N, C-alpha and C. Protein backbone atom coordinates (compact mmCIF):
# COMPACT_ATOMS: atom_id res chain seq x y z
N MET A 1 -88.73 93.68 -180.40
CA MET A 1 -88.05 95.27 -180.32
C MET A 1 -87.58 95.40 -181.65
N GLN A 2 -87.55 96.59 -182.11
CA GLN A 2 -86.94 96.49 -183.43
C GLN A 2 -85.29 96.70 -183.32
N LEU A 3 -84.74 96.39 -184.23
CA LEU A 3 -83.12 96.57 -184.39
C LEU A 3 -82.60 97.88 -183.87
N LEU A 4 -83.11 98.62 -184.68
CA LEU A 4 -83.03 100.14 -184.43
C LEU A 4 -83.08 100.64 -183.10
N ASP A 5 -84.11 100.28 -182.68
CA ASP A 5 -84.37 100.57 -181.36
C ASP A 5 -83.49 100.27 -180.12
N VAL A 6 -83.26 98.71 -180.38
CA VAL A 6 -82.21 98.06 -179.39
C VAL A 6 -80.73 98.71 -179.85
N SER A 7 -80.51 99.21 -180.74
CA SER A 7 -79.15 99.65 -181.13
C SER A 7 -78.96 101.09 -180.53
N TRP A 8 -80.25 101.77 -180.60
CA TRP A 8 -80.21 103.32 -179.84
C TRP A 8 -80.05 103.01 -178.48
N ARG A 9 -80.46 102.03 -177.92
CA ARG A 9 -80.42 101.62 -176.31
C ARG A 9 -78.96 101.34 -176.05
N ILE A 10 -78.29 100.51 -176.88
CA ILE A 10 -77.14 100.08 -176.49
C ILE A 10 -76.22 101.27 -176.56
N ILE A 11 -76.23 102.00 -177.54
CA ILE A 11 -75.57 103.44 -177.65
C ILE A 11 -75.62 104.43 -176.31
N ARG A 12 -76.76 104.20 -175.99
CA ARG A 12 -77.53 105.13 -174.82
C ARG A 12 -76.72 104.56 -173.64
N ASP A 13 -76.82 103.42 -173.39
CA ASP A 13 -76.41 102.78 -172.08
C ASP A 13 -75.07 102.44 -172.02
N GLU A 14 -74.53 102.00 -173.28
CA GLU A 14 -73.01 101.61 -173.10
C GLU A 14 -72.19 102.34 -174.05
N GLY A 15 -72.62 102.99 -174.80
CA GLY A 15 -71.64 104.15 -175.84
C GLY A 15 -71.43 103.30 -177.19
N THR A 16 -71.05 103.86 -178.20
CA THR A 16 -71.07 103.57 -179.42
C THR A 16 -70.11 102.42 -179.78
N ASP A 17 -69.03 102.17 -178.90
CA ASP A 17 -67.93 101.20 -179.14
C ASP A 17 -68.59 99.97 -178.87
N ALA A 18 -69.68 99.71 -177.88
CA ALA A 18 -70.24 98.70 -177.53
C ALA A 18 -71.20 98.08 -178.50
N LEU A 19 -71.59 99.09 -179.57
CA LEU A 19 -72.53 98.55 -180.57
C LEU A 19 -72.13 97.59 -181.67
N THR A 20 -71.88 96.36 -181.58
CA THR A 20 -71.51 95.49 -182.60
C THR A 20 -72.72 94.84 -183.30
N LEU A 21 -72.48 94.04 -184.43
CA LEU A 21 -73.61 93.37 -184.78
C LEU A 21 -73.98 91.97 -183.79
N GLY A 22 -72.97 91.49 -183.46
CA GLY A 22 -72.96 90.58 -182.54
C GLY A 22 -73.88 90.92 -181.22
N ARG A 23 -73.27 91.94 -180.57
CA ARG A 23 -74.09 92.38 -179.53
C ARG A 23 -75.58 92.88 -179.69
N LEU A 24 -75.80 93.32 -180.90
CA LEU A 24 -77.07 93.56 -181.26
C LEU A 24 -78.00 92.52 -181.28
N ALA A 25 -77.51 91.35 -181.90
CA ALA A 25 -78.12 90.14 -182.11
C ALA A 25 -78.64 89.67 -180.79
N GLU A 26 -77.56 89.75 -179.81
CA GLU A 26 -77.87 89.20 -178.47
C GLU A 26 -78.76 89.84 -177.81
N GLN A 27 -78.85 91.40 -177.79
CA GLN A 27 -79.83 92.27 -177.00
C GLN A 27 -81.07 92.09 -177.49
N ALA A 28 -81.30 91.92 -178.95
CA ALA A 28 -82.30 91.85 -179.61
C ALA A 28 -83.04 90.49 -179.64
N GLY A 29 -82.29 89.58 -179.23
CA GLY A 29 -83.09 88.02 -178.99
C GLY A 29 -83.07 87.76 -180.26
N VAL A 30 -82.06 87.83 -181.35
CA VAL A 30 -82.27 87.17 -182.66
C VAL A 30 -80.96 86.60 -182.94
N THR A 31 -80.91 85.71 -183.94
CA THR A 31 -79.54 85.18 -184.42
C THR A 31 -78.81 86.25 -185.16
N LYS A 32 -77.12 85.85 -185.26
CA LYS A 32 -76.55 86.75 -185.88
C LYS A 32 -76.82 86.92 -187.22
N PRO A 33 -77.11 85.93 -187.88
CA PRO A 33 -77.28 85.94 -189.28
C PRO A 33 -78.40 86.85 -189.60
N VAL A 34 -79.67 86.95 -188.81
CA VAL A 34 -80.52 88.01 -188.88
C VAL A 34 -79.97 89.14 -189.11
N VAL A 35 -79.22 89.77 -188.09
CA VAL A 35 -78.71 91.26 -188.03
C VAL A 35 -77.61 91.51 -189.34
N TYR A 36 -76.82 90.52 -189.43
CA TYR A 36 -75.79 90.64 -190.76
C TYR A 36 -76.89 90.75 -191.98
N ASP A 37 -77.77 89.73 -192.12
CA ASP A 37 -78.53 89.86 -193.41
C ASP A 37 -79.12 91.52 -193.56
N HIS A 38 -79.51 91.80 -192.36
CA HIS A 38 -80.16 93.37 -192.50
C HIS A 38 -79.22 94.36 -192.78
N PHE A 39 -78.33 94.64 -191.89
CA PHE A 39 -77.31 95.52 -192.24
C PHE A 39 -75.85 95.25 -192.73
N GLY A 40 -75.53 94.10 -192.98
CA GLY A 40 -74.37 93.96 -193.58
C GLY A 40 -72.94 94.12 -192.89
N THR A 41 -72.89 95.14 -192.35
CA THR A 41 -71.57 95.66 -191.48
C THR A 41 -72.23 96.54 -190.58
N ARG A 42 -70.99 96.80 -189.66
CA ARG A 42 -71.30 97.75 -188.53
C ARG A 42 -71.67 98.99 -189.26
N ASN A 43 -70.76 99.52 -190.21
CA ASN A 43 -71.01 100.83 -190.71
C ASN A 43 -72.46 100.87 -191.36
N GLY A 44 -72.80 99.67 -192.01
CA GLY A 44 -74.13 99.55 -192.47
C GLY A 44 -75.20 99.87 -191.40
N LEU A 45 -75.08 99.27 -190.12
CA LEU A 45 -75.89 99.58 -189.06
C LEU A 45 -75.76 100.96 -188.67
N LEU A 46 -74.70 101.54 -188.70
CA LEU A 46 -74.47 103.09 -188.01
C LEU A 46 -75.24 104.14 -189.39
N VAL A 47 -75.15 103.50 -190.34
CA VAL A 47 -75.85 104.29 -191.47
C VAL A 47 -77.33 104.44 -191.26
N ALA A 48 -77.65 102.91 -191.13
CA ALA A 48 -79.32 103.02 -190.85
C ALA A 48 -79.79 103.74 -189.42
N LEU A 49 -78.70 103.69 -188.66
CA LEU A 49 -79.14 104.78 -187.35
C LEU A 49 -79.10 106.07 -187.91
N TYR A 50 -78.31 106.56 -188.68
CA TYR A 50 -78.23 107.87 -188.96
C TYR A 50 -79.49 108.24 -189.89
N GLU A 51 -79.88 107.35 -190.79
CA GLU A 51 -81.14 107.57 -191.79
C GLU A 51 -82.34 107.77 -190.80
N ASP A 52 -82.33 106.71 -189.69
CA ASP A 52 -83.48 106.63 -188.80
C ASP A 52 -83.65 108.14 -187.98
N PHE A 53 -82.47 108.52 -187.64
CA PHE A 53 -82.27 109.98 -187.03
C PHE A 53 -82.99 111.00 -187.89
N ASP A 54 -82.67 110.84 -189.19
CA ASP A 54 -82.83 112.08 -190.04
C ASP A 54 -84.44 111.98 -190.60
N ARG A 55 -84.96 110.62 -190.63
CA ARG A 55 -86.42 110.62 -191.10
C ARG A 55 -87.10 111.15 -190.01
N ARG A 56 -86.90 110.94 -188.78
CA ARG A 56 -87.41 111.66 -187.39
C ARG A 56 -87.41 113.19 -187.42
N GLN A 57 -86.00 113.50 -187.93
CA GLN A 57 -85.92 114.99 -187.74
C GLN A 57 -86.76 115.84 -188.99
N THR A 58 -86.67 115.03 -190.09
CA THR A 58 -87.54 115.68 -191.27
C THR A 58 -88.92 115.39 -190.93
N ALA A 59 -89.61 114.54 -190.20
CA ALA A 59 -91.03 114.52 -190.00
C ALA A 59 -91.21 115.47 -189.06
N ILE A 60 -90.31 115.73 -188.00
CA ILE A 60 -90.44 116.75 -186.98
C ILE A 60 -90.62 118.08 -187.66
N MET A 61 -89.43 118.30 -188.62
CA MET A 61 -89.61 119.55 -189.22
C MET A 61 -90.55 119.91 -189.81
N ASP A 62 -91.01 118.99 -190.79
CA ASP A 62 -92.33 119.27 -191.65
C ASP A 62 -93.49 119.51 -191.04
N ALA A 63 -93.58 118.71 -189.78
CA ALA A 63 -95.06 119.06 -188.98
C ALA A 63 -94.75 120.34 -188.38
N ALA A 64 -93.62 120.83 -188.00
CA ALA A 64 -93.38 122.16 -187.59
C ALA A 64 -93.70 123.41 -188.64
N LEU A 65 -93.38 122.93 -189.65
CA LEU A 65 -93.22 124.06 -190.67
C LEU A 65 -94.76 124.22 -191.35
N ALA A 66 -95.40 123.31 -191.11
CA ALA A 66 -97.09 123.08 -191.49
C ALA A 66 -97.66 124.04 -190.31
N GLU A 67 -97.17 124.44 -189.54
CA GLU A 67 -97.71 125.23 -188.49
C GLU A 67 -97.27 126.59 -188.30
N ARG A 68 -96.34 126.71 -189.06
CA ARG A 68 -95.46 128.04 -189.14
C ARG A 68 -96.25 129.26 -189.26
N GLY A 69 -95.51 130.25 -188.73
CA GLY A 69 -96.39 131.75 -188.86
C GLY A 69 -96.00 132.33 -190.29
N PRO A 70 -96.40 133.53 -190.81
CA PRO A 70 -96.01 134.02 -192.03
C PRO A 70 -95.04 134.89 -192.19
N THR A 71 -94.10 135.05 -190.80
CA THR A 71 -92.85 136.11 -191.05
C THR A 71 -91.87 135.03 -190.92
N LEU A 72 -90.60 135.90 -191.42
CA LEU A 72 -89.18 135.24 -191.40
C LEU A 72 -88.89 134.78 -189.99
N ALA A 73 -89.27 135.68 -189.04
CA ALA A 73 -88.78 135.40 -187.71
C ALA A 73 -89.54 134.24 -187.21
N LYS A 74 -90.81 134.17 -187.45
CA LYS A 74 -91.62 132.95 -186.70
C LYS A 74 -91.08 131.63 -187.41
N THR A 75 -90.89 131.76 -188.83
CA THR A 75 -90.54 130.60 -189.68
C THR A 75 -88.92 130.21 -189.01
N ALA A 76 -88.15 131.21 -188.80
CA ALA A 76 -86.99 130.75 -188.67
C ALA A 76 -86.89 130.06 -187.14
N GLY A 77 -87.81 130.62 -186.19
CA GLY A 77 -87.98 130.09 -184.75
C GLY A 77 -88.57 128.64 -184.86
N VAL A 78 -89.26 128.16 -185.92
CA VAL A 78 -89.73 126.73 -185.95
C VAL A 78 -88.95 126.08 -186.34
N ILE A 79 -88.05 126.65 -187.37
CA ILE A 79 -87.06 125.37 -187.90
C ILE A 79 -85.91 125.36 -186.62
N ALA A 80 -85.54 126.54 -186.14
CA ALA A 80 -84.62 126.25 -184.96
C ALA A 80 -85.08 125.50 -184.03
N SER A 81 -86.35 125.35 -183.67
CA SER A 81 -86.74 124.63 -182.46
C SER A 81 -86.86 123.44 -182.89
N ALA A 82 -87.42 123.02 -184.15
CA ALA A 82 -87.51 121.82 -184.52
C ALA A 82 -86.06 121.03 -184.75
N TYR A 83 -85.10 121.68 -185.18
CA TYR A 83 -83.82 121.10 -185.10
C TYR A 83 -83.13 120.70 -184.12
N VAL A 84 -83.37 121.61 -183.22
CA VAL A 84 -82.58 121.56 -181.85
C VAL A 84 -83.54 120.38 -181.03
N ASP A 85 -84.74 120.54 -181.21
CA ASP A 85 -85.67 119.42 -180.14
C ASP A 85 -85.15 118.08 -180.88
N CYS A 86 -85.04 117.96 -182.04
CA CYS A 86 -84.75 116.50 -182.49
C CYS A 86 -83.46 116.01 -182.05
N VAL A 87 -82.45 116.88 -182.06
CA VAL A 87 -81.23 116.64 -181.61
C VAL A 87 -81.35 115.95 -180.12
N LEU A 88 -82.04 116.88 -179.39
CA LEU A 88 -82.12 116.84 -177.96
C LEU A 88 -82.90 115.33 -177.56
N THR A 89 -83.96 115.19 -178.44
CA THR A 89 -84.62 114.06 -178.33
C THR A 89 -83.74 112.76 -178.72
N GLN A 90 -82.67 112.78 -179.52
CA GLN A 90 -81.74 111.66 -179.76
C GLN A 90 -80.88 111.60 -178.76
N GLY A 91 -80.45 112.84 -178.21
CA GLY A 91 -79.46 112.83 -177.13
C GLY A 91 -77.89 112.83 -177.64
N ARG A 92 -77.11 112.26 -176.77
CA ARG A 92 -75.62 112.38 -176.99
C ARG A 92 -75.42 111.22 -178.17
N GLU A 93 -76.50 110.33 -178.41
CA GLU A 93 -76.19 109.14 -179.45
C GLU A 93 -75.93 109.70 -180.67
N ILE A 94 -76.54 110.43 -181.53
CA ILE A 94 -76.39 110.81 -182.80
C ILE A 94 -74.91 111.47 -182.69
N PRO A 95 -74.53 112.26 -182.08
CA PRO A 95 -72.88 112.66 -182.34
C PRO A 95 -71.88 111.55 -182.20
N ASP A 96 -72.39 110.41 -181.56
CA ASP A 96 -71.55 109.51 -181.23
C ASP A 96 -71.59 108.55 -182.64
N VAL A 97 -72.77 108.46 -182.98
CA VAL A 97 -72.89 107.71 -184.26
C VAL A 97 -71.97 108.27 -185.22
N LEU A 98 -72.05 109.59 -185.58
CA LEU A 98 -71.41 110.27 -186.62
C LEU A 98 -69.95 110.10 -186.32
N ALA A 99 -69.49 110.13 -185.02
CA ALA A 99 -68.25 110.39 -184.87
C ALA A 99 -67.54 108.79 -185.29
N ALA A 100 -68.41 107.83 -184.90
CA ALA A 100 -68.10 106.30 -185.27
C ALA A 100 -67.86 106.08 -186.59
N LEU A 101 -68.81 106.97 -187.64
CA LEU A 101 -68.71 106.76 -188.97
C LEU A 101 -67.69 107.87 -189.70
N ALA A 102 -67.01 108.73 -188.80
CA ALA A 102 -66.27 109.85 -189.40
C ALA A 102 -65.60 109.09 -190.68
N GLY A 103 -65.33 109.64 -191.67
CA GLY A 103 -64.65 109.19 -192.75
C GLY A 103 -65.26 107.85 -193.68
N ALA A 104 -66.22 107.37 -193.00
CA ALA A 104 -66.66 106.02 -193.66
C ALA A 104 -67.48 106.66 -194.86
N PRO A 105 -67.04 105.72 -196.26
CA PRO A 105 -67.89 106.30 -197.56
C PRO A 105 -69.29 106.28 -197.36
N GLU A 106 -69.68 105.28 -196.79
CA GLU A 106 -71.48 105.16 -196.52
C GLU A 106 -72.05 106.09 -195.95
N LEU A 107 -71.36 106.64 -195.30
CA LEU A 107 -72.02 108.02 -194.13
C LEU A 107 -71.96 109.11 -195.04
N GLU A 108 -70.71 109.63 -195.73
CA GLU A 108 -70.60 110.53 -196.42
C GLU A 108 -71.73 110.71 -197.26
N ALA A 109 -71.96 109.84 -198.16
CA ALA A 109 -72.77 110.11 -199.21
C ALA A 109 -74.44 110.27 -198.54
N THR A 110 -74.38 109.29 -197.64
CA THR A 110 -75.95 109.61 -196.65
C THR A 110 -75.98 110.84 -196.34
N LYS A 111 -75.11 111.39 -195.47
CA LYS A 111 -74.99 112.58 -194.91
C LYS A 111 -75.45 113.69 -195.77
N ARG A 112 -74.57 113.74 -196.95
CA ARG A 112 -74.63 114.97 -197.55
C ARG A 112 -75.85 114.90 -198.32
N ALA A 113 -76.46 113.80 -198.63
CA ALA A 113 -77.65 113.66 -199.24
C ALA A 113 -78.60 114.56 -198.28
N TYR A 114 -78.85 114.08 -197.32
CA TYR A 114 -79.69 114.66 -196.13
C TYR A 114 -79.29 116.23 -195.98
N GLN A 115 -78.29 116.42 -195.90
CA GLN A 115 -77.73 117.95 -195.88
C GLN A 115 -78.46 118.70 -196.72
N ALA A 116 -77.93 118.41 -198.00
CA ALA A 116 -78.78 118.87 -199.21
C ALA A 116 -80.15 119.00 -199.15
N ALA A 117 -80.74 118.13 -198.74
CA ALA A 117 -82.18 118.10 -198.63
C ALA A 117 -82.71 119.34 -197.49
N PHE A 118 -82.10 118.96 -196.43
CA PHE A 118 -82.37 120.19 -195.28
C PHE A 118 -82.17 121.68 -195.84
N MET A 119 -80.86 122.05 -196.45
CA MET A 119 -80.67 123.15 -197.02
C MET A 119 -81.55 123.73 -197.89
N GLU A 120 -81.94 122.66 -199.03
CA GLU A 120 -83.07 123.21 -200.04
C GLU A 120 -84.47 123.38 -199.22
N LYS A 121 -84.66 122.56 -198.16
CA LYS A 121 -85.83 122.95 -197.66
C LYS A 121 -86.05 124.18 -196.99
N CYS A 122 -84.83 124.69 -196.46
CA CYS A 122 -84.76 125.99 -195.77
C CYS A 122 -84.98 127.02 -196.75
N ARG A 123 -83.90 127.04 -197.80
CA ARG A 123 -84.22 127.75 -199.08
C ARG A 123 -85.52 128.01 -199.56
N VAL A 124 -86.34 126.98 -199.92
CA VAL A 124 -87.61 127.15 -200.50
C VAL A 124 -88.32 127.68 -199.50
N VAL A 125 -88.62 127.41 -198.16
CA VAL A 125 -89.41 127.93 -197.12
C VAL A 125 -88.98 129.35 -196.63
N LEU A 126 -87.95 129.63 -196.83
CA LEU A 126 -87.69 130.93 -196.13
C LEU A 126 -87.42 131.99 -197.18
N SER A 127 -86.87 131.66 -198.42
CA SER A 127 -86.71 132.59 -199.41
C SER A 127 -87.76 133.56 -199.78
N PRO A 128 -89.02 132.93 -199.89
CA PRO A 128 -90.42 133.86 -200.09
C PRO A 128 -90.36 134.84 -198.89
N LEU A 129 -90.06 134.73 -197.60
CA LEU A 129 -90.17 135.55 -196.53
C LEU A 129 -89.10 136.47 -196.52
N SER A 130 -88.11 136.38 -197.39
CA SER A 130 -86.98 137.27 -197.21
C SER A 130 -86.92 138.47 -198.21
N LYS A 131 -86.71 139.63 -197.89
CA LYS A 131 -86.73 140.78 -198.76
C LYS A 131 -85.20 141.03 -199.33
N GLY A 132 -84.21 140.21 -199.15
CA GLY A 132 -82.82 140.62 -199.52
C GLY A 132 -82.79 139.74 -200.86
N ALA A 133 -81.20 139.70 -200.91
CA ALA A 133 -80.61 139.06 -202.09
C ALA A 133 -80.92 137.47 -202.08
N PRO A 134 -80.75 136.73 -203.25
CA PRO A 134 -80.80 135.25 -203.01
C PRO A 134 -79.71 134.60 -202.11
N VAL A 135 -80.22 133.68 -201.65
CA VAL A 135 -79.33 133.01 -200.45
C VAL A 135 -78.34 132.19 -201.54
N GLY A 136 -77.03 132.13 -201.38
CA GLY A 136 -76.17 131.41 -201.89
C GLY A 136 -76.09 130.17 -201.09
N VAL A 137 -75.12 129.02 -201.78
CA VAL A 137 -74.85 127.82 -201.28
C VAL A 137 -74.31 128.12 -199.89
N ALA A 138 -73.15 128.95 -200.13
CA ALA A 138 -72.37 129.04 -198.74
C ALA A 138 -73.21 129.60 -197.59
N SER A 139 -74.09 130.54 -197.72
CA SER A 139 -74.93 131.02 -196.82
C SER A 139 -75.84 129.81 -196.13
N LEU A 140 -76.35 128.66 -197.14
CA LEU A 140 -77.04 127.51 -196.48
C LEU A 140 -76.10 126.67 -195.67
N TRP A 141 -74.77 126.54 -196.30
CA TRP A 141 -73.86 125.93 -195.36
C TRP A 141 -73.57 126.15 -193.89
N ALA A 142 -73.60 127.92 -194.02
CA ALA A 142 -73.56 128.22 -192.68
C ALA A 142 -74.67 127.91 -191.63
N LEU A 143 -75.89 128.06 -192.08
CA LEU A 143 -76.80 127.95 -191.56
C LEU A 143 -76.89 126.20 -190.90
N LEU A 144 -76.54 125.39 -191.76
CA LEU A 144 -76.49 124.09 -191.50
C LEU A 144 -75.32 123.78 -190.39
N GLY A 145 -74.11 124.73 -190.70
CA GLY A 145 -73.11 124.36 -189.58
C GLY A 145 -73.69 125.01 -188.24
N ALA A 146 -74.41 126.05 -188.11
CA ALA A 146 -74.77 126.70 -187.18
C ALA A 146 -75.75 125.69 -186.33
N ALA A 147 -76.74 125.10 -187.21
CA ALA A 147 -77.46 124.24 -186.44
C ALA A 147 -76.89 123.15 -186.01
N GLU A 148 -75.97 122.57 -186.52
CA GLU A 148 -75.46 121.47 -186.06
C GLU A 148 -74.56 121.66 -184.77
N ALA A 149 -73.62 122.82 -185.06
CA ALA A 149 -73.26 123.10 -183.60
C ALA A 149 -73.94 123.57 -182.51
N LEU A 150 -74.92 124.19 -182.71
CA LEU A 150 -75.72 124.73 -181.57
C LEU A 150 -76.59 123.51 -181.02
N SER A 151 -77.10 122.46 -182.06
CA SER A 151 -77.74 121.40 -181.31
C SER A 151 -76.86 120.59 -180.69
N LYS A 152 -75.65 120.29 -180.97
CA LYS A 152 -74.63 119.37 -180.50
C LYS A 152 -74.26 120.16 -178.86
N ALA A 153 -74.10 121.37 -179.05
CA ALA A 153 -73.85 122.20 -177.46
C ALA A 153 -74.96 122.07 -176.54
N ALA A 154 -76.18 122.10 -177.28
CA ALA A 154 -77.33 122.16 -176.38
C ALA A 154 -77.33 120.27 -175.84
N ALA A 155 -77.04 119.32 -176.72
CA ALA A 155 -77.32 118.13 -176.31
C ALA A 155 -76.23 117.75 -175.36
N THR A 156 -75.00 118.31 -175.49
CA THR A 156 -73.95 118.07 -174.35
C THR A 156 -74.20 118.90 -173.03
N GLY A 157 -75.17 119.80 -173.22
CA GLY A 157 -75.24 120.88 -171.84
C GLY A 157 -74.24 122.03 -171.98
N ASP A 158 -73.62 122.27 -172.90
CA ASP A 158 -72.62 123.20 -172.99
C ASP A 158 -73.58 124.71 -173.04
N VAL A 159 -74.69 124.59 -173.96
CA VAL A 159 -75.38 125.69 -174.01
C VAL A 159 -77.01 125.47 -173.65
N PRO A 160 -77.79 126.06 -172.87
CA PRO A 160 -79.13 125.84 -172.81
C PRO A 160 -79.99 125.54 -174.04
N ALA A 161 -80.88 124.96 -174.06
CA ALA A 161 -81.76 124.49 -175.32
C ALA A 161 -82.27 125.77 -175.96
N GLU A 162 -82.91 126.49 -175.00
CA GLU A 162 -83.60 127.84 -175.49
C GLU A 162 -82.49 128.78 -176.10
N ASP A 163 -81.39 128.82 -175.56
CA ASP A 163 -80.47 129.62 -175.91
C ASP A 163 -79.82 129.16 -177.26
N ALA A 164 -79.85 127.95 -177.38
CA ALA A 164 -79.45 127.49 -178.87
C ALA A 164 -80.43 127.58 -179.96
N LYS A 165 -81.75 127.39 -179.49
CA LYS A 165 -82.92 127.82 -180.42
C LYS A 165 -82.89 129.12 -180.93
N GLU A 166 -82.62 130.19 -179.87
CA GLU A 166 -82.72 131.65 -180.07
C GLU A 166 -81.71 132.00 -180.87
N GLU A 167 -80.38 131.66 -180.58
CA GLU A 167 -79.51 131.99 -181.51
C GLU A 167 -79.53 131.22 -182.93
N LEU A 168 -79.91 130.37 -183.06
CA LEU A 168 -80.09 129.62 -184.42
C LEU A 168 -81.26 130.25 -185.13
N ALA A 169 -82.16 130.68 -184.46
CA ALA A 169 -83.21 131.75 -185.14
C ALA A 169 -82.62 132.99 -185.54
N ARG A 170 -81.91 133.54 -184.80
CA ARG A 170 -81.34 134.69 -185.26
C ARG A 170 -80.35 134.50 -186.25
N THR A 171 -79.58 133.59 -186.44
CA THR A 171 -78.64 133.35 -187.48
C THR A 171 -79.66 133.11 -188.68
N ILE A 172 -80.49 132.44 -188.86
CA ILE A 172 -81.42 131.96 -189.78
C ILE A 172 -81.96 133.51 -190.35
N VAL A 173 -82.33 134.22 -189.51
CA VAL A 173 -83.06 135.70 -189.85
C VAL A 173 -81.82 136.46 -190.50
N ALA A 174 -80.66 136.45 -189.83
CA ALA A 174 -79.58 137.03 -190.42
C ALA A 174 -79.25 136.72 -191.74
N ILE A 175 -79.15 135.43 -192.16
CA ILE A 175 -78.79 134.99 -193.48
C ILE A 175 -80.01 135.31 -194.38
N PHE A 176 -81.38 135.28 -194.00
CA PHE A 176 -82.50 135.19 -195.01
C PHE A 176 -82.71 136.94 -195.27
N SER A 177 -82.29 137.73 -194.56
CA SER A 177 -82.77 139.31 -194.50
C SER A 177 -81.72 140.19 -194.92
N ARG A 178 -80.75 139.48 -195.38
CA ARG A 178 -79.71 140.44 -196.21
C ARG A 178 -80.23 141.22 -197.10
N LYS A 179 -79.83 142.52 -197.45
CA LYS A 179 -80.30 143.30 -198.66
C LYS A 179 -79.82 142.93 -199.86
N ALA A 180 -80.53 143.11 -201.02
CA ALA A 180 -79.97 143.04 -202.14
C ALA A 180 -79.01 144.42 -202.71
N PRO A 181 -78.17 143.57 -203.18
CA PRO A 181 -77.17 144.87 -203.79
C PRO A 181 -77.54 145.85 -204.59
């Protein structure tokens, strides 16, 4: 079994605090040097988990966008569904990984790069469908914040998944349908 798969299982079953490089080696049936050589540190492992999550999220988003409709509303719906579904697929594990890495320089650089890529993808895909003013950086951050918050609320059961998707789609449409001044 892959080390990342075992890591996700440990987090799901026992929580992020139980995920150590030694515990991973034990559960994966490999020696500690194998795990240390692969990840270096626990933060290195957590960053690898975040990167794994983001790769899956990007693949889901790209596949969904390839099938999107020709309107702003349909494209917003595809983005919202793909984002929320990816977080739901990962469950509570990804918020736990992010919490464990809060403030770690390794995660900040990685997370910001993936956030920038997501926001740019949204801008490129949605802007041609918009009849409004150009979308600024603050608006893209608002979109990302809404996506993260609504996905987390759906993952924790605070908001039904369908409600999270619908609200995120409405938010995206609102951002990209502003009138030019």
